[in-house]
Amino acid sequence: DSSAQINALIVDATEPERLAAFWSEVLG
């Protein structure tokens, strides 16, 4: 048994604002 779980997926980006805006639209 483990209490570990995936908390977040982090994507490296040269322009995180732009990439976050793209994924925000894709995923709603």
mmCIF file of all heavy atoms, coordinates in Angstrom:
data_MODEL
# 
_entry.id   MODEL 
# 
loop_
_atom_site.group_PDB 
_atom_site.id 
_atom_site.type_symbol 
_atom_site.label_atom_id 
_atom_site.label_alt_id 
_atom_site.label_comp_id 
_atom_site.label_asym_id 
_atom_site.label_entity_id 
_atom_site.label_seq_id 
_atom_site.pdbx_PDB_ins_code 
_atom_site.Cartn_x 
_atom_site.Cartn_y 
_atom_site.Cartn_z 
_atom_site.occupancy 
_atom_site.B_iso_or_equiv 
_atom_site.pdbx_formal_charge 
_atom_site.auth_seq_id 
_atom_site.auth_comp_id 
_atom_site.auth_asym_id 
_atom_site.auth_atom_id 
_atom_site.pdbx_PDB_model_num 
ATOM 1   N N   . ASP A 1 1  ? 0.847   -1.195 0.000   1.00 0.00 ? 1  ASP A N   1 
ATOM 2   C CA  . ASP A 1 1  ? 0.000   0.000  0.000   1.00 0.00 ? 1  ASP A CA  1 
ATOM 3   C C   . ASP A 1 1  ? 0.876   1.236  0.000   1.00 0.00 ? 1  ASP A C   1 
ATOM 4   O O   . ASP A 1 1  ? 1.956   1.253  0.579   1.00 0.00 ? 1  ASP A O   1 
ATOM 5   C CB  . ASP A 1 1  ? -0.896  0.018  1.237   1.00 0.00 ? 1  ASP A CB  1 
ATOM 6   C CG  . ASP A 1 1  ? -1.992  -1.028 1.173   1.00 0.00 ? 1  ASP A CG  1 
ATOM 7   O OD1 . ASP A 1 1  ? -2.352  -1.435 0.051   1.00 0.00 ? 1  ASP A OD1 1 
ATOM 8   O OD2 . ASP A 1 1  ? -2.488  -1.423 2.235   1.00 0.00 ? 1  ASP A OD2 1 
ATOM 9   N N   . SER A 1 2  ? 0.412   2.275  -0.653  1.00 0.00 ? 2  SER A N   1 
ATOM 10  C CA  . SER A 1 2  ? 1.159   3.518  -0.714  1.00 0.00 ? 2  SER A CA  1 
ATOM 11  C C   . SER A 1 2  ? 0.198   4.690  -0.614  1.00 0.00 ? 2  SER A C   1 
ATOM 12  O O   . SER A 1 2  ? -0.908  4.642  -1.145  1.00 0.00 ? 2  SER A O   1 
ATOM 13  C CB  . SER A 1 2  ? 1.924   3.615  -2.032  1.00 0.00 ? 2  SER A CB  1 
ATOM 14  O OG  . SER A 1 2  ? 2.531   4.882  -2.145  1.00 0.00 ? 2  SER A OG  1 
ATOM 15  N N   . SER A 1 3  ? 0.628   5.707  0.077   1.00 0.00 ? 3  SER A N   1 
ATOM 16  C CA  . SER A 1 3  ? -0.200  6.916  0.146   1.00 0.00 ? 3  SER A CA  1 
ATOM 17  C C   . SER A 1 3  ? 0.209   7.902  -0.947  1.00 0.00 ? 3  SER A C   1 
ATOM 18  O O   . SER A 1 3  ? -0.385  8.962  -1.071  1.00 0.00 ? 3  SER A O   1 
ATOM 19  C CB  . SER A 1 3  ? -0.070  7.575  1.521   1.00 0.00 ? 3  SER A CB  1 
ATOM 20  O OG  . SER A 1 3  ? 1.278   7.958  1.735   1.00 0.00 ? 3  SER A OG  1 
ATOM 21  N N   . ALA A 1 4  ? 1.204   7.537  -1.763  1.00 0.00 ? 4  ALA A N   1 
ATOM 22  C CA  . ALA A 1 4  ? 1.649   8.425  -2.836  1.00 0.00 ? 4  ALA A CA  1 
ATOM 23  C C   . ALA A 1 4  ? 0.643   8.414  -3.983  1.00 0.00 ? 4  ALA A C   1 
ATOM 24  O O   . ALA A 1 4  ? 0.058   7.384  -4.305  1.00 0.00 ? 4  ALA A O   1 
ATOM 25  C CB  . ALA A 1 4  ? 3.020   7.992  -3.360  1.00 0.00 ? 4  ALA A CB  1 
ATOM 26  N N   . GLN A 1 5  ? 0.433   9.580  -4.568  1.00 0.00 ? 5  GLN A N   1 
ATOM 27  C CA  . GLN A 1 5  ? -0.447  9.697  -5.724  1.00 0.00 ? 5  GLN A CA  1 
ATOM 28  C C   . GLN A 1 5  ? 0.036   10.842 -6.595  1.00 0.00 ? 5  GLN A C   1 
ATOM 29  O O   . GLN A 1 5  ? 0.754   11.729 -6.131  1.00 0.00 ? 5  GLN A O   1 
ATOM 30  C CB  . GLN A 1 5  ? -1.891  9.920  -5.298  1.00 0.00 ? 5  GLN A CB  1 
ATOM 31  C CG  . GLN A 1 5  ? -2.095  11.165 -4.462  1.00 0.00 ? 5  GLN A CG  1 
ATOM 32  C CD  . GLN A 1 5  ? -3.528  11.305 -4.007  1.00 0.00 ? 5  GLN A CD  1 
ATOM 33  O OE1 . GLN A 1 5  ? -4.418  11.375 -4.839  1.00 0.00 ? 5  GLN A OE1 1 
ATOM 34  N NE2 . GLN A 1 5  ? -3.752  11.335 -2.714  1.00 0.00 ? 5  GLN A NE2 1 
ATOM 35  N N   . ILE A 1 6  ? -0.334  10.810 -7.853  1.00 0.00 ? 6  ILE A N   1 
ATOM 36  C CA  . ILE A 1 6  ? 0.046   11.890 -8.754  1.00 0.00 ? 6  ILE A CA  1 
ATOM 37  C C   . ILE A 1 6  ? -0.773  13.120 -8.380  1.00 0.00 ? 6  ILE A C   1 
ATOM 38  O O   . ILE A 1 6  ? -2.000  13.063 -8.342  1.00 0.00 ? 6  ILE A O   1 
ATOM 39  C CB  . ILE A 1 6  ? -0.172  11.496 -10.223 1.00 0.00 ? 6  ILE A CB  1 
ATOM 40  C CG1 . ILE A 1 6  ? 0.735   10.323 -10.584 1.00 0.00 ? 6  ILE A CG1 1 
ATOM 41  C CG2 . ILE A 1 6  ? 0.088   12.692 -11.139 1.00 0.00 ? 6  ILE A CG2 1 
ATOM 42  C CD1 . ILE A 1 6  ? 0.483   9.747  -11.962 1.00 0.00 ? 6  ILE A CD1 1 
ATOM 43  N N   . ASN A 1 7  ? -0.101  14.217 -8.101  1.00 0.00 ? 7  ASN A N   1 
ATOM 44  C CA  . ASN A 1 7  ? -0.745  15.458 -7.696  1.00 0.00 ? 7  ASN A CA  1 
ATOM 45  C C   . ASN A 1 7  ? -0.955  16.393 -8.879  1.00 0.00 ? 7  ASN A C   1 
ATOM 46  O O   . ASN A 1 7  ? -1.995  17.025 -9.006  1.00 0.00 ? 7  ASN A O   1 
ATOM 47  C CB  . ASN A 1 7  ? 0.111   16.144 -6.630  1.00 0.00 ? 7  ASN A CB  1 
ATOM 48  C CG  . ASN A 1 7  ? -0.469  17.454 -6.185  1.00 0.00 ? 7  ASN A CG  1 
ATOM 49  O OD1 . ASN A 1 7  ? -1.608  17.515 -5.746  1.00 0.00 ? 7  ASN A OD1 1 
ATOM 50  N ND2 . ASN A 1 7  ? 0.298   18.512 -6.317  1.00 0.00 ? 7  ASN A ND2 1 
ATOM 51  N N   . ALA A 1 8  ? 0.048   16.468 -9.738  1.00 0.00 ? 8  ALA A N   1 
ATOM 52  C CA  . ALA A 1 8  ? -0.035  17.412 -10.855 1.00 0.00 ? 8  ALA A CA  1 
ATOM 53  C C   . ALA A 1 8  ? 0.858   16.933 -11.989 1.00 0.00 ? 8  ALA A C   1 
ATOM 54  O O   . ALA A 1 8  ? 1.856   16.256 -11.770 1.00 0.00 ? 8  ALA A O   1 
ATOM 55  C CB  . ALA A 1 8  ? 0.389   18.805 -10.417 1.00 0.00 ? 8  ALA A CB  1 
ATOM 56  N N   . LEU A 1 9  ? 0.481   17.312 -13.174 1.00 0.00 ? 9  LEU A N   1 
ATOM 57  C CA  . LEU A 1 9  ? 1.296   17.106 -14.364 1.00 0.00 ? 9  LEU A CA  1 
ATOM 58  C C   . LEU A 1 9  ? 1.862   18.474 -14.711 1.00 0.00 ? 9  LEU A C   1 
ATOM 59  O O   . LEU A 1 9  ? 1.110   19.442 -14.851 1.00 0.00 ? 9  LEU A O   1 
ATOM 60  C CB  . LEU A 1 9  ? 0.436   16.571 -15.503 1.00 0.00 ? 9  LEU A CB  1 
ATOM 61  C CG  . LEU A 1 9  ? 1.129   16.417 -16.851 1.00 0.00 ? 9  LEU A CG  1 
ATOM 62  C CD1 . LEU A 1 9  ? 2.240   15.381 -16.758 1.00 0.00 ? 9  LEU A CD1 1 
ATOM 63  C CD2 . LEU A 1 9  ? 0.127   16.004 -17.908 1.00 0.00 ? 9  LEU A CD2 1 
ATOM 64  N N   . ILE A 1 10 ? 3.174   18.571 -14.824 1.00 0.00 ? 10 ILE A N   1 
ATOM 65  C CA  . ILE A 1 10 ? 3.840   19.842 -15.111 1.00 0.00 ? 10 ILE A CA  1 
ATOM 66  C C   . ILE A 1 10 ? 4.461   19.755 -16.495 1.00 0.00 ? 10 ILE A C   1 
ATOM 67  O O   . ILE A 1 10 ? 5.183   18.805 -16.814 1.00 0.00 ? 10 ILE A O   1 
ATOM 68  C CB  . ILE A 1 10 ? 4.953   20.151 -14.081 1.00 0.00 ? 10 ILE A CB  1 
ATOM 69  C CG1 . ILE A 1 10 ? 4.406   20.081 -12.652 1.00 0.00 ? 10 ILE A CG1 1 
ATOM 70  C CG2 . ILE A 1 10 ? 5.600   21.491 -14.380 1.00 0.00 ? 10 ILE A CG2 1 
ATOM 71  C CD1 . ILE A 1 10 ? 3.285   21.051 -12.349 1.00 0.00 ? 10 ILE A CD1 1 
ATOM 72  N N   . VAL A 1 11 ? 4.189   20.753 -17.314 1.00 0.00 ? 11 VAL A N   1 
ATOM 73  C CA  . VAL A 1 11 ? 4.728   20.825 -18.667 1.00 0.00 ? 11 VAL A CA  1 
ATOM 74  C C   . VAL A 1 11 ? 5.712   21.987 -18.712 1.00 0.00 ? 11 VAL A C   1 
ATOM 75  O O   . VAL A 1 11 ? 5.351   23.123 -18.385 1.00 0.00 ? 11 VAL A O   1 
ATOM 76  C CB  . VAL A 1 11 ? 3.598   21.046 -19.701 1.00 0.00 ? 11 VAL A CB  1 
ATOM 77  C CG1 . VAL A 1 11 ? 4.168   21.147 -21.105 1.00 0.00 ? 11 VAL A CG1 1 
ATOM 78  C CG2 . VAL A 1 11 ? 2.567   19.928 -19.613 1.00 0.00 ? 11 VAL A CG2 1 
ATOM 79  N N   . ASP A 1 12 ? 6.965   21.711 -19.084 1.00 0.00 ? 12 ASP A N   1 
ATOM 80  C CA  . ASP A 1 12 ? 7.938   22.787 -19.263 1.00 0.00 ? 12 ASP A CA  1 
ATOM 81  C C   . ASP A 1 12 ? 7.571   23.600 -20.491 1.00 0.00 ? 12 ASP A C   1 
ATOM 82  O O   . ASP A 1 12 ? 7.128   23.043 -21.504 1.00 0.00 ? 12 ASP A O   1 
ATOM 83  C CB  . ASP A 1 12 ? 9.350   22.219 -19.437 1.00 0.00 ? 12 ASP A CB  1 
ATOM 84  C CG  . ASP A 1 12 ? 9.916   21.648 -18.145 1.00 0.00 ? 12 ASP A CG  1 
ATOM 85  O OD1 . ASP A 1 12 ? 9.357   21.927 -17.075 1.00 0.00 ? 12 ASP A OD1 1 
ATOM 86  O OD2 . ASP A 1 12 ? 10.923  20.927 -18.213 1.00 0.00 ? 12 ASP A OD2 1 
ATOM 87  N N   . ALA A 1 13 ? 7.761   24.901 -20.401 1.00 0.00 ? 13 ALA A N   1 
ATOM 88  C CA  . ALA A 1 13 ? 7.365   25.780 -21.508 1.00 0.00 ? 13 ALA A CA  1 
ATOM 89  C C   . ALA A 1 13 ? 8.256   27.007 -21.550 1.00 0.00 ? 13 ALA A C   1 
ATOM 90  O O   . ALA A 1 13 ? 8.619   27.548 -20.513 1.00 0.00 ? 13 ALA A O   1 
ATOM 91  C CB  . ALA A 1 13 ? 5.913   26.224 -21.330 1.00 0.00 ? 13 ALA A CB  1 
ATOM 92  N N   . THR A 1 14 ? 8.604   27.435 -22.756 1.00 0.00 ? 14 THR A N   1 
ATOM 93  C CA  . THR A 1 14 ? 9.329   28.697 -22.879 1.00 0.00 ? 14 THR A CA  1 
ATOM 94  C C   . THR A 1 14 ? 8.373   29.876 -22.705 1.00 0.00 ? 14 THR A C   1 
ATOM 95  O O   . THR A 1 14 ? 8.785   30.940 -22.279 1.00 0.00 ? 14 THR A O   1 
ATOM 96  C CB  . THR A 1 14 ? 10.057  28.797 -24.233 1.00 0.00 ? 14 THR A CB  1 
ATOM 97  O OG1 . THR A 1 14 ? 9.114   28.634 -25.282 1.00 0.00 ? 14 THR A OG1 1 
ATOM 98  C CG2 . THR A 1 14 ? 11.145  27.741 -24.354 1.00 0.00 ? 14 THR A CG2 1 
ATOM 99  N N   . GLU A 1 15 ? 7.089   29.670 -23.033 1.00 0.00 ? 15 GLU A N   1 
ATOM 100 C CA  . GLU A 1 15 ? 6.054   30.688 -22.851 1.00 0.00 ? 15 GLU A CA  1 
ATOM 101 C C   . GLU A 1 15 ? 4.870   30.064 -22.107 1.00 0.00 ? 15 GLU A C   1 
ATOM 102 O O   . GLU A 1 15 ? 3.860   29.708 -22.723 1.00 0.00 ? 15 GLU A O   1 
ATOM 103 C CB  . GLU A 1 15 ? 5.588   31.235 -24.196 1.00 0.00 ? 15 GLU A CB  1 
ATOM 104 C CG  . GLU A 1 15 ? 6.669   31.947 -24.984 1.00 0.00 ? 15 GLU A CG  1 
ATOM 105 C CD  . GLU A 1 15 ? 6.130   32.478 -26.307 1.00 0.00 ? 15 GLU A CD  1 
ATOM 106 O OE1 . GLU A 1 15 ? 5.141   33.243 -26.275 1.00 0.00 ? 15 GLU A OE1 1 
ATOM 107 O OE2 . GLU A 1 15 ? 6.694   32.104 -27.345 1.00 0.00 ? 15 GLU A OE2 1 
ATOM 108 N N   . PRO A 1 16 ? 4.982   29.921 -20.776 1.00 0.00 ? 16 PRO A N   1 
ATOM 109 C CA  . PRO A 1 16 ? 3.933   29.218 -20.035 1.00 0.00 ? 16 PRO A CA  1 
ATOM 110 C C   . PRO A 1 16 ? 2.553   29.865 -20.128 1.00 0.00 ? 16 PRO A C   1 
ATOM 111 O O   . PRO A 1 16 ? 1.546   29.164 -20.139 1.00 0.00 ? 16 PRO A O   1 
ATOM 112 C CB  . PRO A 1 16 ? 4.449   29.192 -18.601 1.00 0.00 ? 16 PRO A CB  1 
ATOM 113 C CG  . PRO A 1 16 ? 5.486   30.249 -18.534 1.00 0.00 ? 16 PRO A CG  1 
ATOM 114 C CD  . PRO A 1 16 ? 6.065   30.371 -19.903 1.00 0.00 ? 16 PRO A CD  1 
ATOM 115 N N   . GLU A 1 17 ? 2.483   31.178 -20.211 1.00 0.00 ? 17 GLU A N   1 
ATOM 116 C CA  . GLU A 1 17 ? 1.180   31.850 -20.337 1.00 0.00 ? 17 GLU A CA  1 
ATOM 117 C C   . GLU A 1 17 ? 0.495   31.423 -21.638 1.00 0.00 ? 17 GLU A C   1 
ATOM 118 O O   . GLU A 1 17 ? -0.689  31.094 -21.651 1.00 0.00 ? 17 GLU A O   1 
ATOM 119 C CB  . GLU A 1 17 ? 1.345   33.368 -20.322 1.00 0.00 ? 17 GLU A CB  1 
ATOM 120 C CG  . GLU A 1 17 ? 1.882   33.928 -19.026 1.00 0.00 ? 17 GLU A CG  1 
ATOM 121 C CD  . GLU A 1 17 ? 0.810   34.087 -17.967 1.00 0.00 ? 17 GLU A CD  1 
ATOM 122 O OE1 . GLU A 1 17 ? -0.383  34.034 -18.299 1.00 0.00 ? 17 GLU A OE1 1 
ATOM 123 O OE2 . GLU A 1 17 ? 1.194   34.271 -16.799 1.00 0.00 ? 17 GLU A OE2 1 
ATOM 124 N N   . ARG A 1 18 ? 1.248   31.452 -22.723 1.00 0.00 ? 18 ARG A N   1 
ATOM 125 C CA  . ARG A 1 18 ? 0.693   31.081 -24.035 1.00 0.00 ? 18 ARG A CA  1 
ATOM 126 C C   . ARG A 1 18 ? 0.268   29.617 -24.061 1.00 0.00 ? 18 ARG A C   1 
ATOM 127 O O   . ARG A 1 18 ? -0.807  29.273 -24.546 1.00 0.00 ? 18 ARG A O   1 
ATOM 128 C CB  . ARG A 1 18 ? 1.731   31.359 -25.115 1.00 0.00 ? 18 ARG A CB  1 
ATOM 129 C CG  . ARG A 1 18 ? 1.301   30.953 -26.512 1.00 0.00 ? 18 ARG A CG  1 
ATOM 130 C CD  . ARG A 1 18 ? 2.371   31.353 -27.535 1.00 0.00 ? 18 ARG A CD  1 
ATOM 131 N NE  . ARG A 1 18 ? 2.069   30.778 -28.815 1.00 0.00 ? 18 ARG A NE  1 
ATOM 132 C CZ  . ARG A 1 18 ? 2.877   29.973 -29.496 1.00 0.00 ? 18 ARG A CZ  1 
ATOM 133 N NH1 . ARG A 1 18 ? 4.065   29.678 -29.031 1.00 0.00 ? 18 ARG A NH1 1 
ATOM 134 N NH2 . ARG A 1 18 ? 2.527   29.498 -30.668 1.00 0.00 ? 18 ARG A NH2 1 
ATOM 135 N N   . LEU A 1 19 ? 1.119   28.738 -23.522 1.00 0.00 ? 19 LEU A N   1 
ATOM 136 C CA  . LEU A 1 19 ? 0.805   27.318 -23.528 1.00 0.00 ? 19 LEU A CA  1 
ATOM 137 C C   . LEU A 1 19 ? -0.378  27.020 -22.605 1.00 0.00 ? 19 LEU A C   1 
ATOM 138 O O   . LEU A 1 19 ? -1.255  26.217 -22.946 1.00 0.00 ? 19 LEU A O   1 
ATOM 139 C CB  . LEU A 1 19 ? 2.027   26.499 -23.127 1.00 0.00 ? 19 LEU A CB  1 
ATOM 140 C CG  . LEU A 1 19 ? 2.087   25.087 -23.673 1.00 0.00 ? 19 LEU A CG  1 
ATOM 141 C CD1 . LEU A 1 19 ? 1.921   25.039 -25.173 1.00 0.00 ? 19 LEU A CD1 1 
ATOM 142 C CD2 . LEU A 1 19 ? 3.366   24.412 -23.237 1.00 0.00 ? 19 LEU A CD2 1 
ATOM 143 N N   . ALA A 1 20 ? -0.444  27.670 -21.449 1.00 0.00 ? 20 ALA A N   1 
ATOM 144 C CA  . ALA A 1 20 ? -1.581  27.491 -20.542 1.00 0.00 ? 20 ALA A CA  1 
ATOM 145 C C   . ALA A 1 20 ? -2.871  27.949 -21.214 1.00 0.00 ? 20 ALA A C   1 
ATOM 146 O O   . ALA A 1 20 ? -3.916  27.296 -21.082 1.00 0.00 ? 20 ALA A O   1 
ATOM 147 C CB  . ALA A 1 20 ? -1.353  28.255 -19.243 1.00 0.00 ? 20 ALA A CB  1 
ATOM 148 N N   . ALA A 1 21 ? -2.828  29.049 -21.963 1.00 0.00 ? 21 ALA A N   1 
ATOM 149 C CA  . ALA A 1 21 ? -4.021  29.539 -22.668 1.00 0.00 ? 21 ALA A CA  1 
ATOM 150 C C   . ALA A 1 21 ? -4.481  28.510 -23.704 1.00 0.00 ? 21 ALA A C   1 
ATOM 151 O O   . ALA A 1 21 ? -5.686  28.258 -23.849 1.00 0.00 ? 21 ALA A O   1 
ATOM 152 C CB  . ALA A 1 21 ? -3.735  30.886 -23.319 1.00 0.00 ? 21 ALA A CB  1 
ATOM 153 N N   . PHE A 1 22 ? -3.541  27.909 -24.442 1.00 0.00 ? 22 PHE A N   1 
ATOM 154 C CA  . PHE A 1 22 ? -3.882  26.879 -25.427 1.00 0.00 ? 22 PHE A CA  1 
ATOM 155 C C   . PHE A 1 22 ? -4.581  25.706 -24.743 1.00 0.00 ? 22 PHE A C   1 
ATOM 156 O O   . PHE A 1 22 ? -5.676  25.294 -25.130 1.00 0.00 ? 22 PHE A O   1 
ATOM 157 C CB  . PHE A 1 22 ? -2.614  26.403 -26.152 1.00 0.00 ? 22 PHE A CB  1 
ATOM 158 C CG  . PHE A 1 22 ? -2.823  25.183 -27.012 1.00 0.00 ? 22 PHE A CG  1 
ATOM 159 C CD1 . PHE A 1 22 ? -3.350  25.299 -28.289 1.00 0.00 ? 22 PHE A CD1 1 
ATOM 160 C CD2 . PHE A 1 22 ? -2.493  23.917 -26.547 1.00 0.00 ? 22 PHE A CD2 1 
ATOM 161 C CE1 . PHE A 1 22 ? -3.543  24.175 -29.090 1.00 0.00 ? 22 PHE A CE1 1 
ATOM 162 C CE2 . PHE A 1 22 ? -2.684  22.781 -27.330 1.00 0.00 ? 22 PHE A CE2 1 
ATOM 163 C CZ  . PHE A 1 22 ? -3.210  22.924 -28.611 1.00 0.00 ? 22 PHE A CZ  1 
ATOM 164 N N   . TRP A 1 23 ? -3.953  25.150 -23.694 1.00 0.00 ? 23 TRP A N   1 
ATOM 165 C CA  . TRP A 1 23 ? -4.512  23.988 -23.016 1.00 0.00 ? 23 TRP A CA  1 
ATOM 166 C C   . TRP A 1 23 ? -5.798  24.332 -22.278 1.00 0.00 ? 23 TRP A C   1 
ATOM 167 O O   . TRP A 1 23 ? -6.684  23.494 -22.143 1.00 0.00 ? 23 TRP A O   1 
ATOM 168 C CB  . TRP A 1 23 ? -3.472  23.351 -22.100 1.00 0.00 ? 23 TRP A CB  1 
ATOM 169 C CG  . TRP A 1 23 ? -2.513  22.520 -22.894 1.00 0.00 ? 23 TRP A CG  1 
ATOM 170 C CD1 . TRP A 1 23 ? -1.231  22.851 -23.247 1.00 0.00 ? 23 TRP A CD1 1 
ATOM 171 C CD2 . TRP A 1 23 ? -2.768  21.249 -23.480 1.00 0.00 ? 23 TRP A CD2 1 
ATOM 172 N NE1 . TRP A 1 23 ? -0.686  21.850 -24.007 1.00 0.00 ? 23 TRP A NE1 1 
ATOM 173 C CE2 . TRP A 1 23 ? -1.614  20.858 -24.164 1.00 0.00 ? 23 TRP A CE2 1 
ATOM 174 C CE3 . TRP A 1 23 ? -3.876  20.403 -23.496 1.00 0.00 ? 23 TRP A CE3 1 
ATOM 175 C CZ2 . TRP A 1 23 ? -1.525  19.642 -24.850 1.00 0.00 ? 23 TRP A CZ2 1 
ATOM 176 C CZ3 . TRP A 1 23 ? -3.787  19.199 -24.174 1.00 0.00 ? 23 TRP A CZ3 1 
ATOM 177 C CH2 . TRP A 1 23 ? -2.622  18.834 -24.842 1.00 0.00 ? 23 TRP A CH2 1 
ATOM 178 N N   . SER A 1 24 ? -5.941  25.554 -21.808 1.00 0.00 ? 24 SER A N   1 
ATOM 179 C CA  . SER A 1 24 ? -7.178  25.999 -21.182 1.00 0.00 ? 24 SER A CA  1 
ATOM 180 C C   . SER A 1 24 ? -8.339  25.865 -22.165 1.00 0.00 ? 24 SER A C   1 
ATOM 181 O O   . SER A 1 24 ? -9.416  25.365 -21.824 1.00 0.00 ? 24 SER A O   1 
ATOM 182 C CB  . SER A 1 24 ? -7.036  27.446 -20.711 1.00 0.00 ? 24 SER A CB  1 
ATOM 183 O OG  . SER A 1 24 ? -8.266  27.939 -20.230 1.00 0.00 ? 24 SER A OG  1 
ATOM 184 N N   . GLU A 1 25 ? -8.112  26.291 -23.411 1.00 0.00 ? 25 GLU A N   1 
ATOM 185 C CA  . GLU A 1 25 ? -9.145  26.181 -24.442 1.00 0.00 ? 25 GLU A CA  1 
ATOM 186 C C   . GLU A 1 25 ? -9.396  24.732 -24.844 1.00 0.00 ? 25 GLU A C   1 
ATOM 187 O O   . GLU A 1 25 ? -10.536 24.321 -25.020 1.00 0.00 ? 25 GLU A O   1 
ATOM 188 C CB  . GLU A 1 25 ? -8.765  27.008 -25.669 1.00 0.00 ? 25 GLU A CB  1 
ATOM 189 C CG  . GLU A 1 25 ? -8.831  28.500 -25.452 1.00 0.00 ? 25 GLU A CG  1 
ATOM 190 C CD  . GLU A 1 25 ? -10.246 28.992 -25.208 1.00 0.00 ? 25 GLU A CD  1 
ATOM 191 O OE1 . GLU A 1 25 ? -11.191 28.480 -25.836 1.00 0.00 ? 25 GLU A OE1 1 
ATOM 192 O OE2 . GLU A 1 25 ? -10.398 29.890 -24.358 1.00 0.00 ? 25 GLU A OE2 1 
ATOM 193 N N   . VAL A 1 26 ? -8.329  23.951 -24.999 1.00 0.00 ? 26 VAL A N   1 
ATOM 194 C CA  . VAL A 1 26 ? -8.481  22.555 -25.401 1.00 0.00 ? 26 VAL A CA  1 
ATOM 195 C C   . VAL A 1 26 ? -9.293  21.779 -24.360 1.00 0.00 ? 26 VAL A C   1 
ATOM 196 O O   . VAL A 1 26 ? -10.203 21.022 -24.704 1.00 0.00 ? 26 VAL A O   1 
ATOM 197 C CB  . VAL A 1 26 ? -7.104  21.876 -25.624 1.00 0.00 ? 26 VAL A CB  1 
ATOM 198 C CG1 . VAL A 1 26 ? -7.246  20.362 -25.761 1.00 0.00 ? 26 VAL A CG1 1 
ATOM 199 C CG2 . VAL A 1 26 ? -6.416  22.452 -26.852 1.00 0.00 ? 26 VAL A CG2 1 
ATOM 200 N N   . LEU A 1 27 ? -8.972  21.975 -23.084 1.00 0.00 ? 27 LEU A N   1 
ATOM 201 C CA  . LEU A 1 27 ? -9.576  21.172 -22.027 1.00 0.00 ? 27 LEU A CA  1 
ATOM 202 C C   . LEU A 1 27 ? -10.780 21.820 -21.343 1.00 0.00 ? 27 LEU A C   1 
ATOM 203 O O   . LEU A 1 27 ? -11.435 21.175 -20.528 1.00 0.00 ? 27 LEU A O   1 
ATOM 204 C CB  . LEU A 1 27 ? -8.518  20.846 -20.971 1.00 0.00 ? 27 LEU A CB  1 
ATOM 205 C CG  . LEU A 1 27 ? -7.320  20.037 -21.469 1.00 0.00 ? 27 LEU A CG  1 
ATOM 206 C CD1 . LEU A 1 27 ? -6.273  19.919 -20.369 1.00 0.00 ? 27 LEU A CD1 1 
ATOM 207 C CD2 . LEU A 1 27 ? -7.769  18.667 -21.957 1.00 0.00 ? 27 LEU A CD2 1 
ATOM 208 N N   . GLY A 1 28 ? -11.038 23.097 -21.646 1.00 0.00 ? 28 GLY A N   1 
ATOM 209 C CA  . GLY A 1 28 ? -12.139 23.770 -20.971 1.00 0.00 ? 28 GLY A CA  1 
ATOM 210 C C   . GLY A 1 28 ? -11.869 23.987 -19.493 1.00 0.00 ? 28 GLY A C   1 
ATOM 211 O O   . GLY A 1 28 ? -12.779 23.992 -18.676 1.00 0.00 ? 28 GLY A O   1 
# 
